[in-house]
PDB file of all heavy atoms in Angstrom:
ATOM      1  N   ILE A   1      -7.699 -14.256   4.244  1.00  0.00           N
ATOM      2  CA  ILE A   1      -7.861 -14.831   2.907  1.00  0.00           C
ATOM      3  C   ILE A   1      -6.514 -15.278   2.357  1.00  0.00           C
ATOM      4  O   ILE A   1      -6.389 -16.364   1.776  1.00  0.00           O
ATOM      5  CB  ILE A   1      -8.505 -13.795   1.969  1.00  0.00           C
ATOM      6  CG1 ILE A   1      -9.950 -13.521   2.396  1.00  0.00           C
ATOM      7  CG2 ILE A   1      -8.483 -14.275   0.525  1.00  0.00           C
ATOM      8  CD1 ILE A   1     -10.565 -12.355   1.688  1.00  0.00           C
ATOM      9  N   GLU A   2      -5.494 -14.456   2.556  1.00  0.00           N
ATOM     10  CA  GLU A   2      -4.159 -14.815   2.072  1.00  0.00           C
ATOM     11  C   GLU A   2      -3.667 -16.099   2.720  1.00  0.00           C
ATOM     12  O   GLU A   2      -3.147 -16.997   2.046  1.00  0.00           O
ATOM     13  CB  GLU A   2      -3.182 -13.674   2.344  1.00  0.00           C
ATOM     14  CG  GLU A   2      -3.401 -12.450   1.469  1.00  0.00           C
ATOM     15  CD  GLU A   2      -2.482 -11.316   1.843  1.00  0.00           C
ATOM     16  OE1 GLU A   2      -2.007 -11.294   3.005  1.00  0.00           O
ATOM     17  OE2 GLU A   2      -2.227 -10.441   0.998  1.00  0.00           O
ATOM     18  N   ARG A   3      -3.829 -16.190   4.043  1.00  0.00           N
ATOM     19  CA  ARG A   3      -3.348 -17.379   4.751  1.00  0.00           C
ATOM     20  C   ARG A   3      -4.231 -18.597   4.484  1.00  0.00           C
ATOM     21  O   ARG A   3      -3.729 -19.704   4.272  1.00  0.00           O
ATOM     22  CB  ARG A   3      -3.294 -17.104   6.256  1.00  0.00           C
ATOM     23  CG  ARG A   3      -2.229 -16.111   6.677  1.00  0.00           C
ATOM     24  CD  ARG A   3      -2.031 -16.156   8.185  1.00  0.00           C
ATOM     25  NE  ARG A   3      -3.259 -15.833   8.891  1.00  0.00           N
ATOM     26  CZ  ARG A   3      -3.571 -14.609   9.321  1.00  0.00           C
ATOM     27  NH1 ARG A   3      -2.739 -13.611   9.111  1.00  0.00           N
ATOM     28  NH2 ARG A   3      -4.708 -14.389   9.970  1.00  0.00           N
ATOM     29  N   GLY A   4      -5.551 -18.386   4.516  1.00  0.00           N
ATOM     30  CA  GLY A   4      -6.459 -19.520   4.407  1.00  0.00           C
ATOM     31  C   GLY A   4      -6.600 -20.085   3.016  1.00  0.00           C
ATOM     32  O   GLY A   4      -6.685 -21.311   2.844  1.00  0.00           O
ATOM     33  N   PHE A   5      -6.642 -19.205   2.003  1.00  0.00           N
ATOM     34  CA  PHE A   5      -6.912 -19.673   0.640  1.00  0.00           C
ATOM     35  C   PHE A   5      -5.702 -19.544  -0.282  1.00  0.00           C
ATOM     36  O   PHE A   5      -5.777 -19.946  -1.449  1.00  0.00           O
ATOM     37  CB  PHE A   5      -8.089 -18.893   0.040  1.00  0.00           C
ATOM     38  CG  PHE A   5      -9.373 -19.071   0.806  1.00  0.00           C
ATOM     39  CD1 PHE A   5      -9.929 -18.022   1.498  1.00  0.00           C
ATOM     40  CD2 PHE A   5     -10.020 -20.300   0.845  1.00  0.00           C
ATOM     41  CE1 PHE A   5     -11.113 -18.164   2.204  1.00  0.00           C
ATOM     42  CE2 PHE A   5     -11.197 -20.464   1.540  1.00  0.00           C
ATOM     43  CZ  PHE A   5     -11.747 -19.402   2.232  1.00  0.00           C
ATOM     44  N   GLY A   6      -4.622 -18.970   0.209  1.00  0.00           N
ATOM     45  CA  GLY A   6      -3.400 -18.923  -0.589  1.00  0.00           C
ATOM     46  C   GLY A   6      -3.374 -17.854  -1.664  1.00  0.00           C
ATOM     47  O   GLY A   6      -2.536 -17.905  -2.571  1.00  0.00           O
ATOM     48  N   PHE A   7      -4.255 -16.855  -1.595  1.00  0.00           N
ATOM     49  CA  PHE A   7      -4.201 -15.764  -2.568  1.00  0.00           C
ATOM     50  C   PHE A   7      -2.979 -14.891  -2.277  1.00  0.00           C
ATOM     51  O   PHE A   7      -2.740 -14.494  -1.138  1.00  0.00           O
ATOM     52  CB  PHE A   7      -5.477 -14.920  -2.504  1.00  0.00           C
ATOM     53  CG  PHE A   7      -6.693 -15.609  -3.061  1.00  0.00           C
ATOM     54  CD1 PHE A   7      -7.725 -16.010  -2.229  1.00  0.00           C
ATOM     55  CD2 PHE A   7      -6.796 -15.868  -4.420  1.00  0.00           C
ATOM     56  CE1 PHE A   7      -8.846 -16.647  -2.733  1.00  0.00           C
ATOM     57  CE2 PHE A   7      -7.912 -16.496  -4.941  1.00  0.00           C
ATOM     58  CZ  PHE A   7      -8.942 -16.896  -4.097  1.00  0.00           C
ATOM     59  N   GLN A   8      -2.231 -14.581  -3.323  1.00  0.00           N
ATOM     60  CA  GLN A   8      -0.988 -13.832  -3.157  1.00  0.00           C
ATOM     61  C   GLN A   8      -1.127 -12.344  -3.453  1.00  0.00           C
ATOM     62  O   GLN A   8      -0.223 -11.564  -3.166  1.00  0.00           O
ATOM     63  CB  GLN A   8       0.089 -14.411  -4.099  1.00  0.00           C
ATOM     64  CG  GLN A   8       0.406 -15.866  -3.849  1.00  0.00           C
ATOM     65  CD  GLN A   8       1.010 -16.091  -2.478  1.00  0.00           C
ATOM     66  OE1 GLN A   8       1.914 -15.373  -2.066  1.00  0.00           O
ATOM     67  NE2 GLN A   8       0.522 -17.091  -1.765  1.00  0.00           N
ATOM     68  N   HIS A   9      -2.267 -11.946  -4.044  1.00  0.00           N
ATOM     69  CA  HIS A   9      -2.400 -10.559  -4.493  1.00  0.00           C
ATOM     70  C   HIS A   9      -3.704  -9.967  -3.982  1.00  0.00           C
ATOM     71  O   HIS A   9      -4.611  -9.664  -4.766  1.00  0.00           O
ATOM     72  CB  HIS A   9      -2.348 -10.491  -6.020  1.00  0.00           C
ATOM     73  CG  HIS A   9      -1.146 -11.145  -6.622  1.00  0.00           C
ATOM     74  ND1 HIS A   9       0.075 -10.519  -6.684  1.00  0.00           N
ATOM     75  CD2 HIS A   9      -0.979 -12.379  -7.170  1.00  0.00           C
ATOM     76  CE1 HIS A   9       0.952 -11.333  -7.255  1.00  0.00           C
ATOM     77  NE2 HIS A   9       0.335 -12.461  -7.561  1.00  0.00           N
ATOM     78  N   VAL A  10      -3.813  -9.798  -2.681  1.00  0.00           N
ATOM     79  CA  VAL A  10      -4.990  -9.165  -2.072  1.00  0.00           C
ATOM     80  C   VAL A  10      -4.610  -7.720  -1.763  1.00  0.00           C
ATOM     81  O   VAL A  10      -3.691  -7.461  -1.003  1.00  0.00           O
ATOM     82  CB  VAL A  10      -5.439  -9.901  -0.795  1.00  0.00           C
ATOM     83  CG1 VAL A  10      -6.690  -9.252  -0.220  1.00  0.00           C
ATOM     84  CG2 VAL A  10      -5.701 -11.378  -1.097  1.00  0.00           C
ATOM     85  N   ARG A  11      -5.313  -6.796  -2.388  1.00  0.00           N
ATOM     86  CA  ARG A  11      -4.959  -5.372  -2.281  1.00  0.00           C
ATOM     87  C   ARG A  11      -6.168  -4.554  -1.833  1.00  0.00           C
ATOM     88  O   ARG A  11      -7.314  -4.905  -2.099  1.00  0.00           O
ATOM     89  CB  ARG A  11      -4.478  -4.833  -3.634  1.00  0.00           C
ATOM     90  CG  ARG A  11      -3.321  -5.625  -4.254  1.00  0.00           C
ATOM     91  CD  ARG A  11      -2.024  -5.351  -3.530  1.00  0.00           C
ATOM     92  NE  ARG A  11      -0.892  -5.966  -4.189  1.00  0.00           N
ATOM     93  CZ  ARG A  11      -0.278  -7.065  -3.771  1.00  0.00           C
ATOM     94  NH1 ARG A  11      -0.707  -7.683  -2.670  1.00  0.00           N
ATOM     95  NH2 ARG A  11       0.763  -7.553  -4.423  1.00  0.00           N
ATOM     96  N   SER A  12      -5.889  -3.440  -1.174  1.00  0.00           N
ATOM     97  CA  SER A  12      -6.917  -2.501  -0.753  1.00  0.00           C
ATOM     98  C   SER A  12      -6.641  -1.150  -1.401  1.00  0.00           C
ATOM     99  O   SER A  12      -5.535  -0.600  -1.252  1.00  0.00           O
ATOM    100  CB  SER A  12      -6.938  -2.348   0.768  1.00  0.00           C
ATOM    101  OG  SER A  12      -7.679  -1.203   1.151  1.00  0.00           O
ATOM    102  N   THR A  13      -7.610  -0.621  -2.143  1.00  0.00           N
ATOM    103  CA  THR A  13      -7.413   0.686  -2.772  1.00  0.00           C
ATOM    104  C   THR A  13      -7.194   1.765  -1.722  1.00  0.00           C
ATOM    105  O   THR A  13      -6.387   2.677  -1.909  1.00  0.00           O
ATOM    106  CB  THR A  13      -8.624   1.056  -3.642  1.00  0.00           C
ATOM    107  OG1 THR A  13      -9.809   0.985  -2.845  1.00  0.00           O
ATOM    108  CG2 THR A  13      -8.769   0.106  -4.807  1.00  0.00           C
ATOM    109  N   SER A  14      -7.911   1.648  -0.608  1.00  0.00           N
ATOM    110  CA  SER A  14      -7.771   2.652   0.456  1.00  0.00           C
ATOM    111  C   SER A  14      -6.381   2.610   1.061  1.00  0.00           C
ATOM    112  O   SER A  14      -5.761   3.661   1.303  1.00  0.00           O
ATOM    113  CB  SER A  14      -8.824   2.410   1.535  1.00  0.00           C
ATOM    114  OG  SER A  14     -10.119   2.427   0.993  1.00  0.00           O
ATOM    115  N   ALA A  15      -5.872   1.410   1.334  1.00  0.00           N
ATOM    116  CA  ALA A  15      -4.539   1.287   1.914  1.00  0.00           C
ATOM    117  C   ALA A  15      -3.457   1.765   0.944  1.00  0.00           C
ATOM    118  O   ALA A  15      -2.439   2.324   1.355  1.00  0.00           O
ATOM    119  CB  ALA A  15      -4.284  -0.163   2.318  1.00  0.00           C
ATOM    120  N   LEU A  16      -3.686   1.557  -0.361  1.00  0.00           N
ATOM    121  CA  LEU A  16      -2.711   2.007  -1.358  1.00  0.00           C
ATOM    122  C   LEU A  16      -2.701   3.525  -1.489  1.00  0.00           C
ATOM    123  O   LEU A  16      -1.650   4.142  -1.697  1.00  0.00           O
ATOM    124  CB  LEU A  16      -3.028   1.369  -2.718  1.00  0.00           C
ATOM    125  CG  LEU A  16      -2.747  -0.128  -2.849  1.00  0.00           C
ATOM    126  CD1 LEU A  16      -3.391  -0.672  -4.120  1.00  0.00           C
ATOM    127  CD2 LEU A  16      -1.249  -0.395  -2.867  1.00  0.00           C
ATOM    128  N   ALA A  17      -3.886   4.129  -1.375  1.00  0.00           N
ATOM    129  CA  ALA A  17      -3.983   5.578  -1.580  1.00  0.00           C
ATOM    130  C   ALA A  17      -3.669   6.377  -0.329  1.00  0.00           C
ATOM    131  O   ALA A  17      -3.195   7.524  -0.415  1.00  0.00           O
ATOM    132  CB  ALA A  17      -5.385   5.931  -2.078  1.00  0.00           C
ATOM    133  N   ALA A  18      -3.935   5.811   0.853  1.00  0.00           N
ATOM    134  CA  ALA A  18      -3.799   6.562   2.098  1.00  0.00           C
ATOM    135  C   ALA A  18      -2.417   7.192   2.297  1.00  0.00           C
ATOM    136  O   ALA A  18      -2.333   8.353   2.734  1.00  0.00           O
ATOM    137  CB  ALA A  18      -4.160   5.670   3.284  1.00  0.00           C
ATOM    138  N   PRO A  19      -1.299   6.493   2.007  1.00  0.00           N
ATOM    139  CA  PRO A  19       0.012   7.138   2.215  1.00  0.00           C
ATOM    140  C   PRO A  19       0.183   8.426   1.413  1.00  0.00           C
ATOM    141  O   PRO A  19       0.875   9.343   1.863  1.00  0.00           O
ATOM    142  CB  PRO A  19       1.004   6.059   1.759  1.00  0.00           C
ATOM    143  CG  PRO A  19       0.271   4.768   1.936  1.00  0.00           C
ATOM    144  CD  PRO A  19      -1.150   5.079   1.613  1.00  0.00           C
ATOM    145  N   TRP A  20      -0.425   8.514   0.245  1.00  0.00           N
ATOM    146  CA  TRP A  20      -0.328   9.734  -0.548  1.00  0.00           C
ATOM    147  C   TRP A  20      -1.020  10.886   0.171  1.00  0.00           C
ATOM    148  O   TRP A  20      -0.516  12.022   0.176  1.00  0.00           O
ATOM    149  CB  TRP A  20      -0.962   9.525  -1.923  1.00  0.00           C
ATOM    150  CG  TRP A  20      -0.279   8.507  -2.782  1.00  0.00           C
ATOM    151  CD1 TRP A  20      -0.386   7.154  -2.695  1.00  0.00           C
ATOM    152  CD2 TRP A  20       0.624   8.754  -3.863  1.00  0.00           C
ATOM    153  NE1 TRP A  20       0.390   6.537  -3.645  1.00  0.00           N
ATOM    154  CE2 TRP A  20       1.012   7.499  -4.385  1.00  0.00           C
ATOM    155  CE3 TRP A  20       1.130   9.916  -4.447  1.00  0.00           C
ATOM    156  CZ2 TRP A  20       1.887   7.378  -5.456  1.00  0.00           C
ATOM    157  CZ3 TRP A  20       2.002   9.797  -5.533  1.00  0.00           C
ATOM    158  CH2 TRP A  20       2.377   8.538  -6.020  1.00  0.00           C
ATOM    159  N   PHE A  21      -2.193  10.608   0.757  1.00  0.00           N
ATOM    160  CA  PHE A  21      -2.918  11.639   1.495  1.00  0.00           C
ATOM    161  C   PHE A  21      -2.137  12.076   2.735  1.00  0.00           C
ATOM    162  O   PHE A  21      -2.007  13.268   3.015  1.00  0.00           O
ATOM    163  CB  PHE A  21      -4.297  11.115   1.899  1.00  0.00           C
ATOM    164  CG  PHE A  21      -5.289  11.044   0.776  1.00  0.00           C
ATOM    165  CD1 PHE A  21      -5.317   9.965  -0.081  1.00  0.00           C
ATOM    166  CD2 PHE A  21      -6.206  12.067   0.567  1.00  0.00           C
ATOM    167  CE1 PHE A  21      -6.222   9.892  -1.125  1.00  0.00           C
ATOM    168  CE2 PHE A  21      -7.119  12.012  -0.471  1.00  0.00           C
ATOM    169  CZ  PHE A  21      -7.134  10.918  -1.318  1.00  0.00           C
ATOM    170  N   VAL A  22      -1.624  11.087   3.469  1.00  0.00           N
ATOM    171  CA  VAL A  22      -0.885  11.385   4.696  1.00  0.00           C
ATOM    172  C   VAL A  22       0.388  12.162   4.371  1.00  0.00           C
ATOM    173  O   VAL A  22       0.718  13.167   5.021  1.00  0.00           O
ATOM    174  CB  VAL A  22      -0.561  10.087   5.452  1.00  0.00           C
ATOM    175  CG1 VAL A  22       0.341  10.374   6.649  1.00  0.00           C
ATOM    176  CG2 VAL A  22      -1.832   9.406   5.908  1.00  0.00           C
ATOM    177  N   GLY A  23       1.120  11.706   3.357  1.00  0.00           N
ATOM    178  CA  GLY A  23       2.348  12.385   2.972  1.00  0.00           C
ATOM    179  C   GLY A  23       2.100  13.827   2.555  1.00  0.00           C
ATOM    180  O   GLY A  23       2.822  14.739   2.952  1.00  0.00           O
ATOM    181  N   ALA A  24       1.042  14.033   1.760  1.00  0.00           N
ATOM    182  CA  ALA A  24       0.721  15.386   1.312  1.00  0.00           C
ATOM    183  C   ALA A  24       0.342  16.274   2.483  1.00  0.00           C
ATOM    184  O   ALA A  24       0.681  17.464   2.517  1.00  0.00           O
ATOM    185  CB  ALA A  24      -0.405  15.336   0.288  1.00  0.00           C
ATOM    186  N   ALA A  25      -0.372  15.712   3.466  1.00  0.00           N
ATOM    187  CA  ALA A  25      -0.801  16.499   4.625  1.00  0.00           C
ATOM    188  C   ALA A  25       0.374  16.876   5.519  1.00  0.00           C
ATOM    189  O   ALA A  25       0.381  17.950   6.127  1.00  0.00           O
ATOM    190  CB  ALA A  25      -1.838  15.722   5.423  1.00  0.00           C
ATOM    191  N   LEU A  26       1.371  16.011   5.596  1.00  0.00           N
ATOM    192  CA  LEU A  26       2.491  16.259   6.507  1.00  0.00           C
ATOM    193  C   LEU A  26       3.694  16.906   5.837  1.00  0.00           C
ATOM    194  O   LEU A  26       4.657  17.272   6.518  1.00  0.00           O
ATOM    195  CB  LEU A  26       2.919  14.933   7.159  1.00  0.00           C
ATOM    196  CG  LEU A  26       1.847  14.213   7.982  1.00  0.00           C
ATOM    197  CD1 LEU A  26       2.436  12.967   8.635  1.00  0.00           C
ATOM    198  CD2 LEU A  26       1.262  15.140   9.035  1.00  0.00           C
ATOM    199  N   GLY A  27       3.665  17.014   4.497  1.00  0.00           N
ATOM    200  CA  GLY A  27       4.776  17.670   3.813  1.00  0.00           C
ATOM    201  C   GLY A  27       5.755  16.727   3.162  1.00  0.00           C
ATOM    202  O   GLY A  27       6.848  17.152   2.756  1.00  0.00           O
ATOM    203  N   LEU A  28       5.390  15.459   3.016  1.00  0.00           N
ATOM    204  CA  LEU A  28       6.243  14.487   2.337  1.00  0.00           C
ATOM    205  C   LEU A  28       5.692  14.262   0.936  1.00  0.00           C
ATOM    206  O   LEU A  28       4.522  13.900   0.767  1.00  0.00           O
ATOM    207  CB  LEU A  28       6.269  13.168   3.106  1.00  0.00           C
ATOM    208  CG  LEU A  28       7.038  12.005   2.448  1.00  0.00           C
ATOM    209  CD1 LEU A  28       8.539  12.301   2.456  1.00  0.00           C
ATOM    210  CD2 LEU A  28       6.748  10.686   3.175  1.00  0.00           C
ATOM    211  N   ASP A  29       6.532  14.470  -0.079  1.00  0.00           N
ATOM    212  CA  ASP A  29       6.098  14.240  -1.459  1.00  0.00           C
ATOM    213  C   ASP A  29       6.210  12.749  -1.762  1.00  0.00           C
ATOM    214  O   ASP A  29       7.313  12.212  -1.903  1.00  0.00           O
ATOM    215  CB  ASP A  29       6.976  15.032  -2.437  1.00  0.00           C
ATOM    216  CG  ASP A  29       6.792  16.524  -2.293  1.00  0.00           C
ATOM    217  OD1 ASP A  29       5.676  16.943  -1.944  1.00  0.00           O
ATOM    218  OD2 ASP A  29       7.763  17.270  -2.515  1.00  0.00           O
ATOM    219  N   VAL A  30       5.059  12.087  -1.860  1.00  0.00           N
ATOM    220  CA  VAL A  30       5.045  10.663  -2.211  1.00  0.00           C
ATOM    221  C   VAL A  30       5.182  10.549  -3.715  1.00  0.00           C
ATOM    222  O   VAL A  30       4.388  11.116  -4.474  1.00  0.00           O
ATOM    223  CB  VAL A  30       3.753   9.983  -1.717  1.00  0.00           C
ATOM    224  CG1 VAL A  30       3.740   8.518  -2.123  1.00  0.00           C
ATOM    225  CG2 VAL A  30       3.625  10.112  -0.207  1.00  0.00           C
ATOM    226  N   LEU A  31       6.176   9.806  -4.181  1.00  0.00           N
ATOM    227  CA  LEU A  31       6.455   9.688  -5.609  1.00  0.00           C
ATOM    228  C   LEU A  31       5.976   8.379  -6.195  1.00  0.00           C
ATOM    229  O   LEU A  31       5.623   8.324  -7.374  1.00  0.00           O
ATOM    230  CB  LEU A  31       7.971   9.826  -5.857  1.00  0.00           C
ATOM    231  CG  LEU A  31       8.621  11.095  -5.308  1.00  0.00           C
ATOM    232  CD1 LEU A  31      10.111  11.073  -5.574  1.00  0.00           C
ATOM    233  CD2 LEU A  31       7.983  12.331  -5.928  1.00  0.00           C
ATOM    234  N   ASN A  32       5.949   7.322  -5.389  1.00  0.00           N
ATOM    235  CA  ASN A  32       5.530   6.024  -5.913  1.00  0.00           C
ATOM    236  C   ASN A  32       5.260   5.079  -4.748  1.00  0.00           C
ATOM    237  O   ASN A  32       5.746   5.289  -3.632  1.00  0.00           O
ATOM    238  CB  ASN A  32       6.623   5.427  -6.816  1.00  0.00           C
ATOM    239  CG  ASN A  32       6.051   4.506  -7.871  1.00  0.00           C
ATOM    240  OD1 ASN A  32       5.099   3.771  -7.599  1.00  0.00           O
ATOM    241  ND2 ASN A  32       6.594   4.540  -9.074  1.00  0.00           N
ATOM    242  N   THR A  33       4.464   4.067  -5.025  1.00  0.00           N
ATOM    243  CA  THR A  33       4.244   2.976  -4.081  1.00  0.00           C
ATOM    244  C   THR A  33       4.349   1.659  -4.833  1.00  0.00           C
ATOM    245  O   THR A  33       4.014   1.586  -6.026  1.00  0.00           O
ATOM    246  CB  THR A  33       2.855   3.062  -3.418  1.00  0.00           C
ATOM    247  OG1 THR A  33       1.841   3.027  -4.435  1.00  0.00           O
ATOM    248  CG2 THR A  33       2.703   4.327  -2.602  1.00  0.00           C
ATOM    249  N   PHE A  34       4.819   0.633  -4.176  1.00  0.00           N
ATOM    250  CA  PHE A  34       4.890  -0.698  -4.787  1.00  0.00           C
ATOM    251  C   PHE A  34       4.926  -1.738  -3.675  1.00  0.00           C
ATOM    252  O   PHE A  34       5.158  -1.415  -2.496  1.00  0.00           O
ATOM    253  CB  PHE A  34       6.114  -0.834  -5.703  1.00  0.00           C
ATOM    254  CG  PHE A  34       7.438  -0.596  -5.016  1.00  0.00           C
ATOM    255  CD1 PHE A  34       8.130  -1.629  -4.409  1.00  0.00           C
ATOM    256  CD2 PHE A  34       7.987   0.680  -4.980  1.00  0.00           C
ATOM    257  CE1 PHE A  34       9.339  -1.412  -3.769  1.00  0.00           C
ATOM    258  CE2 PHE A  34       9.198   0.919  -4.337  1.00  0.00           C
ATOM    259  CZ  PHE A  34       9.878  -0.135  -3.741  1.00  0.00           C
ATOM    260  N   TYR A  35       4.690  -2.981  -4.052  1.00  0.00           N
ATOM    261  CA  TYR A  35       4.690  -4.081  -3.096  1.00  0.00           C
ATOM    262  C   TYR A  35       5.924  -4.948  -3.297  1.00  0.00           C
ATOM    263  O   TYR A  35       6.366  -5.181  -4.435  1.00  0.00           O
ATOM    264  CB  TYR A  35       3.450  -4.962  -3.286  1.00  0.00           C
ATOM    265  CG  TYR A  35       2.248  -4.540  -2.472  1.00  0.00           C
ATOM    266  CD1 TYR A  35       1.457  -3.478  -2.876  1.00  0.00           C
ATOM    267  CD2 TYR A  35       1.906  -5.206  -1.299  1.00  0.00           C
ATOM    268  CE1 TYR A  35       0.347  -3.090  -2.131  1.00  0.00           C
ATOM    269  CE2 TYR A  35       0.805  -4.820  -0.551  1.00  0.00           C
ATOM    270  CZ  TYR A  35       0.026  -3.768  -0.967  1.00  0.00           C
ATOM    271  OH  TYR A  35      -1.068  -3.390  -0.223  1.00  0.00           O
ATOM    272  N   VAL A  36       6.473  -5.416  -2.194  1.00  0.00           N
ATOM    273  CA  VAL A  36       7.440  -6.509  -2.201  1.00  0.00           C
ATOM    274  C   VAL A  36       6.823  -7.613  -1.360  1.00  0.00           C
ATOM    275  O   VAL A  36       6.610  -7.434  -0.161  1.00  0.00           O
ATOM    276  CB  VAL A  36       8.804  -6.088  -1.611  1.00  0.00           C
ATOM    277  CG1 VAL A  36       9.739  -7.285  -1.571  1.00  0.00           C
ATOM    278  CG2 VAL A  36       9.410  -4.961  -2.429  1.00  0.00           C
ATOM    279  N   ASP A  37       6.523  -8.723  -2.003  1.00  0.00           N
ATOM    280  CA  ASP A  37       5.748  -9.779  -1.361  1.00  0.00           C
ATOM    281  C   ASP A  37       4.420  -9.158  -0.908  1.00  0.00           C
ATOM    282  O   ASP A  37       3.668  -8.662  -1.728  1.00  0.00           O
ATOM    283  CB  ASP A  37       6.551 -10.398  -0.213  1.00  0.00           C
ATOM    284  CG  ASP A  37       5.985 -11.756   0.216  1.00  0.00           C
ATOM    285  OD1 ASP A  37       5.401 -12.441  -0.632  1.00  0.00           O
ATOM    286  OD2 ASP A  37       6.119 -12.105   1.394  1.00  0.00           O
ATOM    287  N   ARG A  38       4.134  -9.123   0.397  1.00  0.00           N
ATOM    288  CA  ARG A  38       2.890  -8.515   0.874  1.00  0.00           C
ATOM    289  C   ARG A  38       3.130  -7.192   1.601  1.00  0.00           C
ATOM    290  O   ARG A  38       2.235  -6.652   2.229  1.00  0.00           O
ATOM    291  CB  ARG A  38       2.163  -9.487   1.822  1.00  0.00           C
ATOM    292  CG  ARG A  38       1.700 -10.770   1.152  1.00  0.00           C
ATOM    293  CD  ARG A  38       0.920 -11.638   2.126  1.00  0.00           C
ATOM    294  NE  ARG A  38       0.405 -12.831   1.491  1.00  0.00           N
ATOM    295  CZ  ARG A  38       1.052 -13.993   1.437  1.00  0.00           C
ATOM    296  NH1 ARG A  38       2.243 -14.085   1.984  1.00  0.00           N
ATOM    297  NH2 ARG A  38       0.508 -15.034   0.845  1.00  0.00           N
ATOM    298  N   GLN A  39       4.335  -6.680   1.519  1.00  0.00           N
ATOM    299  CA  GLN A  39       4.693  -5.454   2.230  1.00  0.00           C
ATOM    300  C   GLN A  39       4.676  -4.254   1.286  1.00  0.00           C
ATOM    301  O   GLN A  39       5.406  -4.215   0.288  1.00  0.00           O
ATOM    302  CB  GLN A  39       6.093  -5.599   2.848  1.00  0.00           C
ATOM    303  CG  GLN A  39       6.652  -4.330   3.463  1.00  0.00           C
ATOM    304  CD  GLN A  39       5.851  -3.859   4.660  1.00  0.00           C
ATOM    305  OE1 GLN A  39       5.561  -4.632   5.563  1.00  0.00           O
ATOM    306  NE2 GLN A  39       5.492  -2.586   4.670  1.00  0.00           N
ATOM    307  N   PRO A  40       3.839  -3.226   1.558  1.00  0.00           N
ATOM    308  CA  PRO A  40       3.856  -2.018   0.724  1.00  0.00           C
ATOM    309  C   PRO A  40       5.049  -1.138   1.061  1.00  0.00           C
ATOM    310  O   PRO A  40       5.417  -0.988   2.226  1.00  0.00           O
ATOM    311  CB  PRO A  40       2.532  -1.336   1.071  1.00  0.00           C
ATOM    312  CG  PRO A  40       2.197  -1.816   2.449  1.00  0.00           C
ATOM    313  CD  PRO A  40       2.775  -3.191   2.582  1.00  0.00           C
ATOM    314  N   PHE A  41       5.665  -0.576   0.032  1.00  0.00           N
ATOM    315  CA  PHE A  41       6.784   0.349   0.183  1.00  0.00           C
ATOM    316  C   PHE A  41       6.405   1.689  -0.426  1.00  0.00           C
ATOM    317  O   PHE A  41       5.606   1.767  -1.358  1.00  0.00           O
ATOM    318  CB  PHE A  41       8.038  -0.185  -0.508  1.00  0.00           C
ATOM    319  CG  PHE A  41       8.782  -1.220   0.285  1.00  0.00           C
ATOM    320  CD1 PHE A  41       8.325  -2.526   0.350  1.00  0.00           C
ATOM    321  CD2 PHE A  41       9.937  -0.895   0.966  1.00  0.00           C
ATOM    322  CE1 PHE A  41       9.005  -3.487   1.083  1.00  0.00           C
ATOM    323  CE2 PHE A  41      10.629  -1.842   1.699  1.00  0.00           C
ATOM    324  CZ  PHE A  41      10.162  -3.146   1.757  1.00  0.00           C
ATOM    325  N   LEU A  42       7.032   2.732   0.111  1.00  0.00           N
ATOM    326  CA  LEU A  42       6.788   4.093  -0.336  1.00  0.00           C
ATOM    327  C   LEU A  42       8.093   4.690  -0.817  1.00  0.00           C
ATOM    328  O   LEU A  42       9.144   4.476  -0.208  1.00  0.00           O
ATOM    329  CB  LEU A  42       6.262   4.932   0.839  1.00  0.00           C
ATOM    330  CG  LEU A  42       5.123   5.904   0.579  1.00  0.00           C
ATOM    331  CD1 LEU A  42       3.874   5.127   0.216  1.00  0.00           C
ATOM    332  CD2 LEU A  42       4.864   6.728   1.836  1.00  0.00           C
TER     333      LEU A  42
END
């Protein structure tokens, strides 16, 4: 969709939330998430 129709803000709630679950399970305290362009950062 991003490539074909040019939408710049396509987000997935699951993809945004998953790092928090993974971090908590492995012992990493996730403090924030944000996007730069289309790349999520933790």
